[in-house]
All heavy atoms as atom14 arrays in JSON, in Angstrom:
{
  "sequence": "WYRQAPGKQRELVATITSGGNPTYADSVAGRFTISRDNAKKMVYLQMN",
  "atom14_mask": [
    [1, 1, 1, 1, 1, 1, 1, 1, 1, 1, 1, 1, 1, 1],
    [1, 1, 1, 1, 1, 1, 1, 1, 1, 1, 1, 1, 0, 0],
    [1, 1, 1, 1, 1, 1, 1, 1, 1, 1, 1, 0, 0, 0],
    [1, 1, 1, 1, 1, 1, 1, 1, 1, 0, 0, 0, 0, 0],
    [1, 1, 1, 1, 1, 0, 0, 0, 0, 0, 0, 0, 0, 0],
    [1, 1, 1, 1, 1, 1, 1, 0, 0, 0, 0, 0, 0, 0],
    [1, 1, 1, 1, 0, 0, 0, 0, 0, 0, 0, 0, 0, 0],
    [1, 1, 1, 1, 1, 1, 1, 1, 1, 0, 0, 0, 0, 0],
    [1, 1, 1, 1, 1, 1, 1, 1, 1, 0, 0, 0, 0, 0],
    [1, 1, 1, 1, 1, 1, 1, 1, 1, 1, 1, 0, 0, 0],
    [1, 1, 1, 1, 1, 1, 1, 1, 1, 0, 0, 0, 0, 0],
    [1, 1, 1, 1, 1, 1, 1, 1, 0, 0, 0, 0, 0, 0],
    [1, 1, 1, 1, 1, 1, 1, 0, 0, 0, 0, 0, 0, 0],
    [1, 1, 1, 1, 1, 0, 0, 0, 0, 0, 0, 0, 0, 0],
    [1, 1, 1, 1, 1, 1, 1, 0, 0, 0, 0, 0, 0, 0],
    [1, 1, 1, 1, 1, 1, 1, 1, 0, 0, 0, 0, 0, 0],
    [1, 1, 1, 1, 1, 1, 1, 0, 0, 0, 0, 0, 0, 0],
    [1, 1, 1, 1, 1, 1, 0, 0, 0, 0, 0, 0, 0, 0],
    [1, 1, 1, 1, 0, 0, 0, 0, 0, 0, 0, 0, 0, 0],
    [1, 1, 1, 1, 0, 0, 0, 0, 0, 0, 0, 0, 0, 0],
    [1, 1, 1, 1, 1, 1, 1, 1, 0, 0, 0, 0, 0, 0],
    [1, 1, 1, 1, 1, 1, 1, 0, 0, 0, 0, 0, 0, 0],
    [1, 1, 1, 1, 1, 1, 1, 0, 0, 0, 0, 0, 0, 0],
    [1, 1, 1, 1, 1, 1, 1, 1, 1, 1, 1, 1, 0, 0],
    [1, 1, 1, 1, 1, 0, 0, 0, 0, 0, 0, 0, 0, 0],
    [1, 1, 1, 1, 1, 1, 1, 1, 0, 0, 0, 0, 0, 0],
    [1, 1, 1, 1, 1, 1, 0, 0, 0, 0, 0, 0, 0, 0],
    [1, 1, 1, 1, 1, 1, 1, 0, 0, 0, 0, 0, 0, 0],
    [1, 1, 1, 1, 1, 0, 0, 0, 0, 0, 0, 0, 0, 0],
    [1, 1, 1, 1, 0, 0, 0, 0, 0, 0, 0, 0, 0, 0],
    [1, 1, 1, 1, 1, 1, 1, 1, 1, 1, 1, 0, 0, 0],
    [1, 1, 1, 1, 1, 1, 1, 1, 1, 1, 1, 0, 0, 0],
    [1, 1, 1, 1, 1, 1, 1, 0, 0, 0, 0, 0, 0, 0],
    [1, 1, 1, 1, 1, 1, 1, 1, 0, 0, 0, 0, 0, 0],
    [1, 1, 1, 1, 1, 1, 0, 0, 0, 0, 0, 0, 0, 0],
    [1, 1, 1, 1, 1, 1, 1, 1, 1, 1, 1, 0, 0, 0],
    [1, 1, 1, 1, 1, 1, 1, 1, 0, 0, 0, 0, 0, 0],
    [1, 1, 1, 1, 1, 1, 1, 1, 0, 0, 0, 0, 0, 0],
    [1, 1, 1, 1, 1, 0, 0, 0, 0, 0, 0, 0, 0, 0],
    [1, 1, 1, 1, 1, 1, 1, 1, 1, 0, 0, 0, 0, 0],
    [1, 1, 1, 1, 1, 1, 1, 1, 1, 0, 0, 0, 0, 0],
    [1, 1, 1, 1, 1, 1, 1, 1, 0, 0, 0, 0, 0, 0],
    [1, 1, 1, 1, 1, 1, 1, 0, 0, 0, 0, 0, 0, 0],
    [1, 1, 1, 1, 1, 1, 1, 1, 1, 1, 1, 1, 0, 0],
    [1, 1, 1, 1, 1, 1, 1, 1, 0, 0, 0, 0, 0, 0],
    [1, 1, 1, 1, 1, 1, 1, 1, 1, 0, 0, 0, 0, 0],
    [1, 1, 1, 1, 1, 1, 1, 1, 0, 0, 0, 0, 0, 0],
    [1, 1, 1, 1, 1, 1, 1, 1, 0, 0, 0, 0, 0, 0]
  ],
  "atom14_positions": [
    [[19.01, 16.28, 5.99], [19.07, 15.33, 4.89], [18.05, 14.23, 5.15], [17.93, 13.74, 6.29], [20.46, 14.72, 4.77], [21.45, 15.62, 4.12], [22.37, 16.43, 4.72], [21.64, 15.79, 2.7], [23.1, 17.11, 3.79], [22.68, 16.73, 2.54], [21.04, 15.26, 1.57], [23.13, 17.15, 1.28], [21.48, 15.67, 0.33], [22.52, 16.6, 0.18]],
    [[17.35, 13.85, 4.1], [16.38, 12.77, 4.13], [16.79, 11.75, 3.06], [17.57, 12.06, 2.16], [14.98, 13.29, 3.78], [14.42, 14.31, 4.72], [14.82, 15.64, 4.65], [13.45, 13.97, 5.66], [14.28, 16.61, 5.5], [12.91, 14.93, 6.51], [13.33, 16.23, 6.41], [12.78, 17.18, 7.26], [0.0, 0.0, 0.0], [0.0, 0.0, 0.0]],
    [[16.21, 10.57, 3.12], [16.41, 9.6, 2.06], [15.14, 8.78, 1.87], [14.35, 8.62, 2.8], [17.6, 8.69, 2.33], [17.43, 7.75, 3.52], [18.74, 7.01, 3.78], [18.62, 6.09, 4.91], [19.65, 5.42, 5.42], [20.87, 5.57, 4.9], [19.46, 4.6, 6.44], [0.0, 0.0, 0.0], [0.0, 0.0, 0.0], [0.0, 0.0, 0.0]],
    [[14.99, 8.3, 0.65], [13.83, 7.47, 0.33], [14.31, 6.29, -0.52], [14.79, 6.49, -1.64], [12.76, 8.26, -0.41], [11.48, 7.48, -0.61], [10.32, 8.36, -1.04], [10.5, 9.47, -1.54], [9.11, 7.86, -0.85], [0.0, 0.0, 0.0], [0.0, 0.0, 0.0], [0.0, 0.0, 0.0], [0.0, 0.0, 0.0], [0.0, 0.0, 0.0]],
    [[14.16, 5.11, 0.04], [14.51, 3.89, -0.67], [13.29, 3.41, -1.44], [12.16, 3.75, -1.11], [14.98, 2.83, 0.33], [0.0, 0.0, 0.0], [0.0, 0.0, 0.0], [0.0, 0.0, 0.0], [0.0, 0.0, 0.0], [0.0, 0.0, 0.0], [0.0, 0.0, 0.0], [0.0, 0.0, 0.0], [0.0, 0.0, 0.0], [0.0, 0.0, 0.0]],
    [[13.51, 2.61, -2.47], [12.38, 2.11, -3.27], [11.35, 1.4, -2.4], [11.69, 0.54, -1.59], [13.05, 1.14, -4.24], [14.44, 1.64, -4.36], [14.81, 2.16, -3.01], [0.0, 0.0, 0.0], [0.0, 0.0, 0.0], [0.0, 0.0, 0.0], [0.0, 0.0, 0.0], [0.0, 0.0, 0.0], [0.0, 0.0, 0.0], [0.0, 0.0, 0.0]],
    [[10.09, 1.8, -2.56], [9.01, 1.16, -1.82], [8.89, 1.56, -0.37], [8.08, 0.99, 0.36], [0.0, 0.0, 0.0], [0.0, 0.0, 0.0], [0.0, 0.0, 0.0], [0.0, 0.0, 0.0], [0.0, 0.0, 0.0], [0.0, 0.0, 0.0], [0.0, 0.0, 0.0], [0.0, 0.0, 0.0], [0.0, 0.0, 0.0], [0.0, 0.0, 0.0]],
    [[9.69, 2.51, 0.06], [9.67, 2.93, 1.46], [9.33, 4.41, 1.57], [9.47, 5.17, 0.61], [11.01, 2.64, 2.13], [11.34, 1.17, 2.22], [12.59, 0.95, 3.04], [12.87, -0.54, 3.2], [14.09, -0.78, 4.04], [0.0, 0.0, 0.0], [0.0, 0.0, 0.0], [0.0, 0.0, 0.0], [0.0, 0.0, 0.0], [0.0, 0.0, 0.0]],
    [[8.93, 4.81, 2.76], [8.67, 6.23, 3.01], [9.97, 6.99, 3.17], [11.01, 6.43, 3.53], [7.81, 6.38, 4.27], [6.38, 5.92, 4.1], [5.51, 6.33, 5.27], [5.99, 6.49, 6.39], [4.22, 6.51, 5.02], [0.0, 0.0, 0.0], [0.0, 0.0, 0.0], [0.0, 0.0, 0.0], [0.0, 0.0, 0.0], [0.0, 0.0, 0.0]],
    [[9.89, 8.27, 2.9], [11.05, 9.14, 3.12], [11.37, 9.18, 4.61], [10.48, 9.28, 5.44], [10.75, 10.54, 2.6], [11.91, 11.5, 2.6], [11.51, 12.78, 1.89], [11.3, 12.58, 0.47], [10.59, 13.38, -0.3], [9.99, 14.42, 0.22], [10.46, 13.14, -1.59], [0.0, 0.0, 0.0], [0.0, 0.0, 0.0], [0.0, 0.0, 0.0]],
    [[12.65, 9.09, 4.95], [13.05, 9.1, 6.35], [14.11, 10.16, 6.59], [14.91, 10.48, 5.71], [13.6, 7.73, 6.77], [14.86, 7.29, 6.08], [15.47, 6.02, 6.67], [15.13, 5.67, 7.82], [16.3, 5.4, 5.98], [0.0, 0.0, 0.0], [0.0, 0.0, 0.0], [0.0, 0.0, 0.0], [0.0, 0.0, 0.0], [0.0, 0.0, 0.0]],
    [[14.11, 10.67, 7.8], [15.07, 11.68, 8.21], [16.4, 11.01, 8.53], [16.44, 10.05, 9.29], [14.54, 12.43, 9.42], [15.39, 13.56, 9.98], [15.51, 14.7, 8.98], [14.79, 14.06, 11.29], [0.0, 0.0, 0.0], [0.0, 0.0, 0.0], [0.0, 0.0, 0.0], [0.0, 0.0, 0.0], [0.0, 0.0, 0.0], [0.0, 0.0, 0.0]],
    [[17.47, 11.53, 7.97], [18.79, 10.95, 8.17], [19.61, 11.75, 9.18], [20.23, 11.19, 10.08], [19.54, 10.87, 6.83], [20.98, 10.43, 7.04], [18.82, 9.94, 5.86], [0.0, 0.0, 0.0], [0.0, 0.0, 0.0], [0.0, 0.0, 0.0], [0.0, 0.0, 0.0], [0.0, 0.0, 0.0], [0.0, 0.0, 0.0], [0.0, 0.0, 0.0]],
    [[19.63, 13.08, 8.98], [20.45, 13.93, 9.85], [19.91, 15.36, 9.8], [19.32, 15.77, 8.8], [21.91, 13.91, 9.41], [0.0, 0.0, 0.0], [0.0, 0.0, 0.0], [0.0, 0.0, 0.0], [0.0, 0.0, 0.0], [0.0, 0.0, 0.0], [0.0, 0.0, 0.0], [0.0, 0.0, 0.0], [0.0, 0.0, 0.0], [0.0, 0.0, 0.0]],
    [[20.14, 16.09, 10.88], [19.77, 17.49, 10.92], [20.95, 18.31, 11.42], [21.85, 17.77, 12.08], [18.57, 17.76, 11.85], [18.97, 17.58, 13.22], [17.39, 16.85, 11.53], [0.0, 0.0, 0.0], [0.0, 0.0, 0.0], [0.0, 0.0, 0.0], [0.0, 0.0, 0.0], [0.0, 0.0, 0.0], [0.0, 0.0, 0.0], [0.0, 0.0, 0.0]],
    [[20.92, 19.59, 11.11], [21.94, 20.49, 11.64], [21.31, 21.85, 11.9], [20.66, 22.41, 11.03], [23.16, 20.58, 10.68], [24.27, 21.41, 11.33], [22.78, 21.11, 9.32], [25.63, 21.24, 10.64], [0.0, 0.0, 0.0], [0.0, 0.0, 0.0], [0.0, 0.0, 0.0], [0.0, 0.0, 0.0], [0.0, 0.0, 0.0], [0.0, 0.0, 0.0]],
    [[21.5, 22.36, 13.1], [20.91, 23.64, 13.46], [21.66, 24.78, 12.78], [22.73, 24.59, 12.2], [20.94, 23.86, 14.97], [22.31, 23.99, 15.39], [20.27, 22.72, 15.71], [0.0, 0.0, 0.0], [0.0, 0.0, 0.0], [0.0, 0.0, 0.0], [0.0, 0.0, 0.0], [0.0, 0.0, 0.0], [0.0, 0.0, 0.0], [0.0, 0.0, 0.0]],
    [[21.1, 25.96, 12.89], [21.75, 27.13, 12.3], [23.14, 27.33, 12.9], [24.05, 27.83, 12.23], [20.9, 28.37, 12.5], [20.64, 28.58, 13.88], [0.0, 0.0, 0.0], [0.0, 0.0, 0.0], [0.0, 0.0, 0.0], [0.0, 0.0, 0.0], [0.0, 0.0, 0.0], [0.0, 0.0, 0.0], [0.0, 0.0, 0.0], [0.0, 0.0, 0.0]],
    [[23.31, 26.92, 14.14], [24.6, 27.06, 14.82], [25.54, 25.9, 14.62], [26.66, 25.9, 15.14], [0.0, 0.0, 0.0], [0.0, 0.0, 0.0], [0.0, 0.0, 0.0], [0.0, 0.0, 0.0], [0.0, 0.0, 0.0], [0.0, 0.0, 0.0], [0.0, 0.0, 0.0], [0.0, 0.0, 0.0], [0.0, 0.0, 0.0], [0.0, 0.0, 0.0]],
    [[25.09, 24.88, 13.88], [25.97, 23.77, 13.55], [25.87, 22.55, 14.43], [26.72, 21.66, 14.35], [0.0, 0.0, 0.0], [0.0, 0.0, 0.0], [0.0, 0.0, 0.0], [0.0, 0.0, 0.0], [0.0, 0.0, 0.0], [0.0, 0.0, 0.0], [0.0, 0.0, 0.0], [0.0, 0.0, 0.0], [0.0, 0.0, 0.0], [0.0, 0.0, 0.0]],
    [[24.83, 22.45, 15.25], [24.68, 21.26, 16.09], [23.95, 20.17, 15.32], [22.84, 20.38, 14.84], [23.9, 21.61, 17.35], [24.67, 22.55, 18.24], [25.87, 22.36, 18.49], [24.02, 23.59, 18.73], [0.0, 0.0, 0.0], [0.0, 0.0, 0.0], [0.0, 0.0, 0.0], [0.0, 0.0, 0.0], [0.0, 0.0, 0.0], [0.0, 0.0, 0.0]],
    [[24.56, 18.98, 15.22], [23.98, 17.91, 14.43], [23.19, 16.88, 15.25], [23.44, 16.72, 16.45], [25.21, 17.25, 13.82], [26.24, 17.35, 14.9], [25.95, 18.66, 15.6], [0.0, 0.0, 0.0], [0.0, 0.0, 0.0], [0.0, 0.0, 0.0], [0.0, 0.0, 0.0], [0.0, 0.0, 0.0], [0.0, 0.0, 0.0], [0.0, 0.0, 0.0]],
    [[22.29, 16.21, 14.59], [21.66, 15.01, 15.13], [21.61, 13.99, 14.0], [21.62, 14.36, 12.82], [20.22, 15.25, 15.64], [19.38, 15.62, 14.54], [20.17, 16.35, 16.68], [0.0, 0.0, 0.0], [0.0, 0.0, 0.0], [0.0, 0.0, 0.0], [0.0, 0.0, 0.0], [0.0, 0.0, 0.0], [0.0, 0.0, 0.0], [0.0, 0.0, 0.0]],
    [[21.56, 12.72, 14.37], [21.6, 11.64, 13.39], [20.59, 10.55, 13.71], [20.33, 10.27, 14.89], [23.0, 11.02, 13.34], [24.08, 12.0, 12.97], [24.84, 12.62, 13.95], [24.33, 12.31, 11.64], [25.82, 13.54, 13.62], [25.32, 13.22, 11.3], [26.05, 13.84, 12.29], [27.03, 14.74, 11.95], [0.0, 0.0, 0.0], [0.0, 0.0, 0.0]],
    [[20.07, 9.93, 12.66], [19.29, 8.71, 12.85], [20.23, 7.63, 13.38], [21.43, 7.62, 13.05], [18.67, 8.28, 11.54], [0.0, 0.0, 0.0], [0.0, 0.0, 0.0], [0.0, 0.0, 0.0], [0.0, 0.0, 0.0], [0.0, 0.0, 0.0], [0.0, 0.0, 0.0], [0.0, 0.0, 0.0], [0.0, 0.0, 0.0], [0.0, 0.0, 0.0]],
    [[19.68, 6.73, 14.18], [20.5, 5.67, 14.75], [21.21, 4.86, 13.67], [22.33, 4.39, 13.86], [19.64, 4.74, 15.6], [19.17, 5.39, 16.89], [19.74, 6.44, 17.27], [18.22, 4.86, 17.5], [0.0, 0.0, 0.0], [0.0, 0.0, 0.0], [0.0, 0.0, 0.0], [0.0, 0.0, 0.0], [0.0, 0.0, 0.0], [0.0, 0.0, 0.0]],
    [[20.55, 4.69, 12.53], [21.08, 3.84, 11.47], [22.33, 4.42, 10.81], [23.08, 3.67, 10.15], [20.01, 3.61, 10.4], [19.57, 4.85, 9.86], [0.0, 0.0, 0.0], [0.0, 0.0, 0.0], [0.0, 0.0, 0.0], [0.0, 0.0, 0.0], [0.0, 0.0, 0.0], [0.0, 0.0, 0.0], [0.0, 0.0, 0.0], [0.0, 0.0, 0.0]],
    [[22.59, 5.7, 10.98], [23.75, 6.33, 10.32], [24.73, 6.94, 11.31], [25.82, 7.37, 10.91], [23.31, 7.4, 9.3], [22.3, 6.82, 8.32], [22.76, 8.64, 9.98], [0.0, 0.0, 0.0], [0.0, 0.0, 0.0], [0.0, 0.0, 0.0], [0.0, 0.0, 0.0], [0.0, 0.0, 0.0], [0.0, 0.0, 0.0], [0.0, 0.0, 0.0]],
    [[24.36, 7.0, 12.58], [25.24, 7.61, 13.58], [26.59, 6.92, 13.59], [26.67, 5.69, 13.56], [24.58, 7.55, 14.95], [0.0, 0.0, 0.0], [0.0, 0.0, 0.0], [0.0, 0.0, 0.0], [0.0, 0.0, 0.0], [0.0, 0.0, 0.0], [0.0, 0.0, 0.0], [0.0, 0.0, 0.0], [0.0, 0.0, 0.0], [0.0, 0.0, 0.0]],
    [[27.64, 7.72, 13.61], [28.99, 7.18, 13.61], [29.56, 6.94, 12.23], [30.76, 6.7, 12.07], [0.0, 0.0, 0.0], [0.0, 0.0, 0.0], [0.0, 0.0, 0.0], [0.0, 0.0, 0.0], [0.0, 0.0, 0.0], [0.0, 0.0, 0.0], [0.0, 0.0, 0.0], [0.0, 0.0, 0.0], [0.0, 0.0, 0.0], [0.0, 0.0, 0.0]],
    [[28.71, 7.02, 11.2], [29.17, 6.8, 9.81], [28.98, 8.06, 8.96], [29.76, 8.31, 8.05], [28.4, 5.64, 9.17], [28.57, 4.33, 9.89], [27.94, 3.19, 9.11], [26.49, 3.33, 8.95], [25.87, 3.41, 7.78], [26.54, 3.33, 6.65], [24.55, 3.51, 7.73], [0.0, 0.0, 0.0], [0.0, 0.0, 0.0], [0.0, 0.0, 0.0]],
    [[27.92, 8.81, 9.23], [27.6, 10.01, 8.45], [27.9, 11.25, 9.26], [27.75, 11.27, 10.47], [26.12, 10.02, 8.06], [25.7, 9.0, 7.05], [26.53, 7.95, 6.67], [24.44, 9.07, 6.47], [26.13, 7.01, 5.74], [24.02, 8.14, 5.54], [24.87, 7.1, 5.18], [0.0, 0.0, 0.0], [0.0, 0.0, 0.0], [0.0, 0.0, 0.0]],
    [[28.3, 12.32, 8.56], [28.54, 13.62, 9.19], [27.86, 14.7, 8.37], [28.14, 14.84, 7.18], [30.03, 13.91, 9.31], [30.67, 12.88, 10.05], [30.25, 15.25, 10.01], [0.0, 0.0, 0.0], [0.0, 0.0, 0.0], [0.0, 0.0, 0.0], [0.0, 0.0, 0.0], [0.0, 0.0, 0.0], [0.0, 0.0, 0.0], [0.0, 0.0, 0.0]],
    [[27.0, 15.47, 9.02], [26.33, 16.58, 8.36], [27.06, 17.87, 8.71], [27.56, 18.03, 9.84], [24.84, 16.66, 8.76], [24.09, 17.69, 7.92], [24.68, 16.92, 10.25], [22.58, 17.68, 8.13], [0.0, 0.0, 0.0], [0.0, 0.0, 0.0], [0.0, 0.0, 0.0], [0.0, 0.0, 0.0], [0.0, 0.0, 0.0], [0.0, 0.0, 0.0]],
    [[27.17, 18.76, 7.75], [27.8, 20.06, 8.0], [27.13, 21.11, 7.11], [26.35, 20.76, 6.22], [29.31, 20.0, 7.72], [29.56, 19.65, 6.38], [0.0, 0.0, 0.0], [0.0, 0.0, 0.0], [0.0, 0.0, 0.0], [0.0, 0.0, 0.0], [0.0, 0.0, 0.0], [0.0, 0.0, 0.0], [0.0, 0.0, 0.0], [0.0, 0.0, 0.0]],
    [[27.45, 22.37, 7.36], [26.84, 23.43, 6.58], [27.8, 24.6, 6.45], [28.7, 24.78, 7.27], [25.53, 23.89, 7.2], [25.67, 24.56, 8.54], [24.3, 24.79, 9.2], [23.48, 25.73, 8.46], [22.16, 25.83, 8.63], [21.53, 25.02, 9.47], [21.48, 26.73, 7.94], [0.0, 0.0, 0.0], [0.0, 0.0, 0.0], [0.0, 0.0, 0.0]],
    [[27.58, 25.39, 5.41], [28.32, 26.63, 5.2], [27.26, 27.69, 4.96], [26.69, 27.77, 3.86], [29.26, 26.49, 4.0], [30.13, 27.71, 3.8], [29.7, 28.84, 4.11], [31.26, 27.54, 3.29], [0.0, 0.0, 0.0], [0.0, 0.0, 0.0], [0.0, 0.0, 0.0], [0.0, 0.0, 0.0], [0.0, 0.0, 0.0], [0.0, 0.0, 0.0]],
    [[26.98, 28.48, 5.97], [25.9, 29.46, 5.85], [26.21, 30.54, 4.82], [25.31, 31.04, 4.15], [25.62, 30.1, 7.21], [24.91, 29.15, 8.16], [24.25, 28.21, 7.74], [25.07, 29.39, 9.46], [0.0, 0.0, 0.0], [0.0, 0.0, 0.0], [0.0, 0.0, 0.0], [0.0, 0.0, 0.0], [0.0, 0.0, 0.0], [0.0, 0.0, 0.0]],
    [[27.46, 30.91, 4.69], [27.83, 31.94, 3.72], [27.56, 31.49, 2.29], [27.17, 32.29, 1.44], [29.29, 32.32, 3.89], [0.0, 0.0, 0.0], [0.0, 0.0, 0.0], [0.0, 0.0, 0.0], [0.0, 0.0, 0.0], [0.0, 0.0, 0.0], [0.0, 0.0, 0.0], [0.0, 0.0, 0.0], [0.0, 0.0, 0.0], [0.0, 0.0, 0.0]],
    [[27.78, 30.21, 2.04], [27.57, 29.67, 0.69], [26.18, 29.08, 0.52], [25.84, 28.63, -0.57], [28.62, 28.6, 0.4], [30.04, 29.12, 0.34], [31.02, 28.0, 0.01], [32.44, 28.52, -0.08], [33.41, 27.44, -0.39], [0.0, 0.0, 0.0], [0.0, 0.0, 0.0], [0.0, 0.0, 0.0], [0.0, 0.0, 0.0], [0.0, 0.0, 0.0]],
    [[25.4, 29.03, 1.59], [24.06, 28.42, 1.55], [24.15, 26.97, 1.09], [23.41, 26.53, 0.2], [23.11, 29.22, 0.66], [22.82, 30.62, 1.17], [21.74, 31.3, 0.34], [21.42, 32.68, 0.89], [20.32, 33.33, 0.12], [0.0, 0.0, 0.0], [0.0, 0.0, 0.0], [0.0, 0.0, 0.0], [0.0, 0.0, 0.0], [0.0, 0.0, 0.0]],
    [[25.06, 26.25, 1.71], [25.28, 24.85, 1.36], [25.15, 23.98, 2.6], [25.53, 24.38, 3.71], [26.68, 24.66, 0.77], [26.95, 25.4, -0.51], [26.11, 24.67, -1.93], [26.96, 23.09, -2.04], [0.0, 0.0, 0.0], [0.0, 0.0, 0.0], [0.0, 0.0, 0.0], [0.0, 0.0, 0.0], [0.0, 0.0, 0.0], [0.0, 0.0, 0.0]],
    [[24.65, 22.77, 2.39], [24.67, 21.76, 3.44], [25.24, 20.48, 2.82], [25.0, 20.19, 1.65], [23.26, 21.54, 4.03], [22.27, 21.08, 2.99], [23.3, 20.58, 5.19], [0.0, 0.0, 0.0], [0.0, 0.0, 0.0], [0.0, 0.0, 0.0], [0.0, 0.0, 0.0], [0.0, 0.0, 0.0], [0.0, 0.0, 0.0], [0.0, 0.0, 0.0]],
    [[26.02, 19.77, 3.62], [26.76, 18.61, 3.13], [26.44, 17.37, 3.97], [26.03, 17.48, 5.13], [28.27, 18.88, 3.21], [28.7, 20.14, 2.52], [28.92, 21.32, 3.24], [28.9, 20.17, 1.15], [29.32, 22.49, 2.62], [29.3, 21.33, 0.51], [29.51, 22.5, 1.25], [29.91, 23.64, 0.62], [0.0, 0.0, 0.0], [0.0, 0.0, 0.0]],
    [[26.65, 16.22, 3.36], [26.54, 14.96, 4.09], [27.71, 14.08, 3.67], [27.74, 13.59, 2.54], [25.21, 14.27, 3.81], [24.92, 13.04, 4.67], [24.7, 13.45, 6.13], [23.7, 12.27, 4.15], [0.0, 0.0, 0.0], [0.0, 0.0, 0.0], [0.0, 0.0, 0.0], [0.0, 0.0, 0.0], [0.0, 0.0, 0.0], [0.0, 0.0, 0.0]],
    [[28.65, 13.91, 4.58], [29.76, 12.99, 4.37], [29.31, 11.62, 4.83], [28.94, 11.45, 6.0], [30.99, 13.45, 5.14], [32.18, 12.51, 5.04], [32.76, 12.45, 3.65], [32.94, 13.47, 2.99], [33.06, 11.24, 3.17], [0.0, 0.0, 0.0], [0.0, 0.0, 0.0], [0.0, 0.0, 0.0], [0.0, 0.0, 0.0], [0.0, 0.0, 0.0]],
    [[29.36, 10.66, 3.93], [28.9, 9.3, 4.22], [30.07, 8.34, 4.11], [30.63, 8.19, 3.02], [27.77, 8.91, 3.26], [26.62, 9.91, 3.23], [25.22, 9.35, 2.23], [25.98, 9.29, 0.62], [0.0, 0.0, 0.0], [0.0, 0.0, 0.0], [0.0, 0.0, 0.0], [0.0, 0.0, 0.0], [0.0, 0.0, 0.0], [0.0, 0.0, 0.0]],
    [[30.42, 7.71, 5.21], [31.51, 6.75, 5.24], [30.99, 5.37, 5.59], [29.89, 5.22, 6.12], [32.55, 7.18, 6.28], [33.19, 8.51, 5.96], [33.35, 8.88, 4.8], [33.56, 9.25, 7.0], [0.0, 0.0, 0.0], [0.0, 0.0, 0.0], [0.0, 0.0, 0.0], [0.0, 0.0, 0.0], [0.0, 0.0, 0.0], [0.0, 0.0, 0.0]]
  ]
}
């Protein structure tokens, strides 16, 4: 997942490997959760 705020460059927010291992930008770590469903070809971002 990436995001782009007005007037700013696109930035990487979170990644998830094919096996489900996540990484997060420092700015969202502990608040956002990335997940995926390979069978449905879906990726999700829960933002709290």
